[in-house]
Amino acid sequence: MSKFAIGEKVDNIADDHEVGTVVAVFPTVEGNFSYAVDTEGYGALQFFHEEKLVVHPARPEMADDGRATRPV
């Protein structure tokens, strides 16, 4: 089973934590997974091995006074 799903936001840990969205998942011959990622700012898909990606951290919701709040 793949670590990331289509539509999930990920960071490329190998290149200054670029952010992108997974648009396709491909099994490799070795039994691992590669991902086609729409990386923000490039206008083209980039392909990454699973070990080069991490889940993009979600920003905490902000209250009107600037304090972080927990989503309900």
N, C-alpha and C. Protein backbone atom coordinates (compact mmCIF):
# COMPACT_ATOMS: atom_id res chain seq x y z
N MET A 1 0.85 -1.18 0.00
CA MET A 1 0.00 0.00 0.00
C MET A 1 0.90 1.25 0.00
N SER A 2 0.53 2.24 -0.79
CA SER A 2 1.33 3.45 -0.88
C SER A 2 1.18 4.31 0.37
N LYS A 3 2.21 5.09 0.65
CA LYS A 3 2.24 5.96 1.83
C LYS A 3 1.39 7.22 1.62
N PHE A 4 1.29 7.69 0.38
CA PHE A 4 0.57 8.91 0.07
C PHE A 4 -0.56 8.63 -0.91
N ALA A 5 -1.62 9.44 -0.86
CA ALA A 5 -2.77 9.26 -1.73
C ALA A 5 -2.87 10.43 -2.71
N ILE A 6 -3.57 10.19 -3.80
CA ILE A 6 -3.82 11.25 -4.78
C ILE A 6 -4.57 12.38 -4.09
N GLY A 7 -4.11 13.61 -4.31
CA GLY A 7 -4.73 14.78 -3.71
C GLY A 7 -4.05 15.22 -2.42
N GLU A 8 -3.17 14.41 -1.88
CA GLU A 8 -2.50 14.75 -0.62
C GLU A 8 -1.35 15.72 -0.87
N LYS A 9 -1.20 16.71 0.02
CA LYS A 9 -0.10 17.67 -0.06
C LYS A 9 1.14 17.04 0.57
N VAL A 10 2.28 17.16 -0.14
CA VAL A 10 3.54 16.58 0.33
C VAL A 10 4.66 17.60 0.19
N ASP A 11 5.74 17.36 0.94
CA ASP A 11 6.96 18.15 0.84
C ASP A 11 8.06 17.26 0.28
N ASN A 12 8.88 17.82 -0.60
CA ASN A 12 10.05 17.14 -1.13
C ASN A 12 11.20 17.41 -0.17
N ILE A 13 11.60 16.42 0.63
CA ILE A 13 12.64 16.64 1.64
C ILE A 13 14.02 16.81 1.03
N ALA A 14 14.20 16.37 -0.20
CA ALA A 14 15.52 16.43 -0.83
C ALA A 14 15.83 17.81 -1.42
N ASP A 15 14.82 18.64 -1.61
CA ASP A 15 15.06 19.91 -2.30
C ASP A 15 14.35 21.07 -1.59
N ASP A 16 14.84 21.43 -0.42
CA ASP A 16 14.38 22.62 0.29
C ASP A 16 12.88 22.61 0.59
N HIS A 17 12.32 21.42 0.81
CA HIS A 17 10.91 21.25 1.20
C HIS A 17 9.93 21.92 0.26
N GLU A 18 10.10 21.70 -1.04
CA GLU A 18 9.11 22.18 -2.00
C GLU A 18 7.77 21.50 -1.71
N VAL A 19 6.70 22.25 -1.87
CA VAL A 19 5.35 21.73 -1.60
C VAL A 19 4.69 21.36 -2.92
N GLY A 20 3.95 20.26 -2.91
CA GLY A 20 3.22 19.85 -4.09
C GLY A 20 2.05 18.96 -3.73
N THR A 21 1.27 18.61 -4.74
CA THR A 21 0.10 17.75 -4.57
C THR A 21 0.30 16.48 -5.39
N VAL A 22 0.08 15.33 -4.76
CA VAL A 22 0.20 14.06 -5.45
C VAL A 22 -0.93 13.94 -6.48
N VAL A 23 -0.56 13.66 -7.75
CA VAL A 23 -1.58 13.52 -8.79
C VAL A 23 -1.62 12.10 -9.36
N ALA A 24 -0.60 11.28 -9.07
CA ALA A 24 -0.60 9.89 -9.52
C ALA A 24 0.37 9.08 -8.68
N VAL A 25 0.06 7.79 -8.52
CA VAL A 25 0.89 6.87 -7.75
C VAL A 25 1.24 5.70 -8.66
N PHE A 26 2.54 5.34 -8.70
CA PHE A 26 3.01 4.26 -9.56
C PHE A 26 3.78 3.23 -8.76
N PRO A 27 3.41 1.96 -8.85
CA PRO A 27 4.23 0.92 -8.21
C PRO A 27 5.50 0.71 -9.04
N THR A 28 6.63 0.48 -8.37
CA THR A 28 7.88 0.22 -9.07
C THR A 28 8.10 -1.28 -9.18
N VAL A 29 9.03 -1.67 -10.03
CA VAL A 29 9.37 -3.09 -10.21
C VAL A 29 9.86 -3.69 -8.89
N GLU A 30 10.54 -2.88 -8.08
CA GLU A 30 11.09 -3.34 -6.80
C GLU A 30 10.02 -3.49 -5.71
N GLY A 31 8.80 -3.07 -5.98
CA GLY A 31 7.74 -3.17 -4.99
C GLY A 31 7.55 -1.92 -4.16
N ASN A 32 8.23 -0.83 -4.50
CA ASN A 32 8.06 0.46 -3.83
C ASN A 32 7.05 1.29 -4.61
N PHE A 33 6.99 2.59 -4.30
CA PHE A 33 6.08 3.48 -5.02
C PHE A 33 6.81 4.75 -5.44
N SER A 34 6.43 5.27 -6.60
CA SER A 34 6.86 6.58 -7.07
C SER A 34 5.61 7.42 -7.24
N TYR A 35 5.79 8.73 -7.19
CA TYR A 35 4.65 9.64 -7.22
C TYR A 35 4.87 10.74 -8.24
N ALA A 36 3.82 11.06 -9.00
CA ALA A 36 3.81 12.25 -9.84
C ALA A 36 3.25 13.37 -8.98
N VAL A 37 4.02 14.44 -8.82
CA VAL A 37 3.66 15.54 -7.93
C VAL A 37 3.60 16.84 -8.72
N ASP A 38 2.48 17.54 -8.57
CA ASP A 38 2.34 18.87 -9.16
C ASP A 38 2.96 19.83 -8.16
N THR A 39 4.23 20.18 -8.39
CA THR A 39 4.98 21.03 -7.48
C THR A 39 4.68 22.48 -7.78
N GLU A 40 4.29 23.23 -6.76
CA GLU A 40 3.91 24.63 -6.92
C GLU A 40 5.05 25.44 -7.53
N GLY A 41 4.73 26.21 -8.57
CA GLY A 41 5.70 27.11 -9.18
C GLY A 41 6.43 26.55 -10.39
N TYR A 42 6.26 25.27 -10.72
CA TYR A 42 6.99 24.70 -11.85
C TYR A 42 6.15 24.57 -13.11
N GLY A 43 4.85 24.36 -12.98
CA GLY A 43 4.00 24.20 -14.15
C GLY A 43 4.17 22.88 -14.86
N ALA A 44 4.85 21.93 -14.21
CA ALA A 44 5.04 20.61 -14.79
C ALA A 44 5.07 19.59 -13.66
N LEU A 45 4.76 18.34 -13.99
CA LEU A 45 4.81 17.30 -12.98
C LEU A 45 6.26 16.90 -12.71
N GLN A 46 6.53 16.58 -11.46
CA GLN A 46 7.82 16.02 -11.08
C GLN A 46 7.57 14.66 -10.47
N PHE A 47 8.52 13.76 -10.64
CA PHE A 47 8.37 12.39 -10.15
C PHE A 47 9.35 12.15 -9.01
N PHE A 48 8.84 11.56 -7.91
CA PHE A 48 9.66 11.34 -6.72
C PHE A 48 9.46 9.92 -6.20
N HIS A 49 10.53 9.37 -5.65
CA HIS A 49 10.43 8.10 -4.92
C HIS A 49 9.83 8.40 -3.54
N GLU A 50 9.15 7.42 -2.98
CA GLU A 50 8.44 7.59 -1.72
C GLU A 50 9.33 8.13 -0.59
N GLU A 51 10.57 7.67 -0.52
CA GLU A 51 11.45 8.08 0.59
C GLU A 51 11.89 9.54 0.51
N LYS A 52 11.62 10.20 -0.61
CA LYS A 52 11.97 11.63 -0.77
C LYS A 52 10.83 12.56 -0.38
N LEU A 53 9.68 12.00 0.03
CA LEU A 53 8.51 12.82 0.35
C LEU A 53 8.07 12.65 1.79
N VAL A 54 7.51 13.71 2.36
CA VAL A 54 6.87 13.67 3.67
C VAL A 54 5.54 14.40 3.56
N VAL A 55 4.62 14.11 4.48
CA VAL A 55 3.34 14.80 4.50
C VAL A 55 3.57 16.28 4.80
N HIS A 56 2.92 17.13 4.04
CA HIS A 56 3.03 18.58 4.25
C HIS A 56 2.30 18.93 5.54
N PRO A 57 2.99 19.62 6.47
CA PRO A 57 2.32 19.98 7.73
C PRO A 57 1.21 20.99 7.50
N ALA A 58 0.08 20.73 8.09
CA ALA A 58 -1.07 21.64 7.98
C ALA A 58 -0.84 22.85 8.87
N ARG A 59 -1.22 24.02 8.39
CA ARG A 59 -1.13 25.23 9.20
C ARG A 59 -2.26 25.23 10.20
N PRO A 60 -1.96 25.58 11.46
CA PRO A 60 -3.05 25.66 12.43
C PRO A 60 -4.00 26.81 12.07
N GLU A 61 -5.26 26.61 12.36
CA GLU A 61 -6.24 27.67 12.13
C GLU A 61 -5.92 28.84 13.05
N MET A 62 -6.13 30.06 12.57
CA MET A 62 -5.82 31.24 13.36
C MET A 62 -7.11 31.93 13.81
N ALA A 63 -7.12 32.37 15.07
CA ALA A 63 -8.25 33.14 15.61
C ALA A 63 -8.11 34.58 15.13
N ASP A 64 -9.15 35.38 15.32
CA ASP A 64 -9.10 36.78 14.89
C ASP A 64 -7.99 37.55 15.57
N ASP A 65 -7.59 37.14 16.78
CA ASP A 65 -6.54 37.87 17.49
C ASP A 65 -5.14 37.32 17.19
N GLY A 66 -5.01 36.39 16.22
CA GLY A 66 -3.71 35.89 15.82
C GLY A 66 -3.25 34.66 16.56
N ARG A 67 -4.03 34.19 17.54
CA ARG A 67 -3.64 32.98 18.26
C ARG A 67 -4.05 31.75 17.48
N ALA A 68 -3.23 30.71 17.56
CA ALA A 68 -3.58 29.46 16.90
C ALA A 68 -4.72 28.80 17.65
N THR A 69 -5.65 28.25 16.92
CA THR A 69 -6.76 27.53 17.53
C THR A 69 -6.80 26.12 16.99
N ARG A 70 -7.43 25.24 17.68
CA ARG A 70 -7.57 23.88 17.21
C ARG A 70 -8.84 23.78 16.37
N PRO A 71 -8.75 23.10 15.21
CA PRO A 71 -9.96 22.93 14.41
C PRO A 71 -10.95 22.03 15.15
N VAL A 72 -12.24 22.29 14.94
CA VAL A 72 -13.27 21.51 15.60
C VAL A 72 -13.72 20.38 14.71
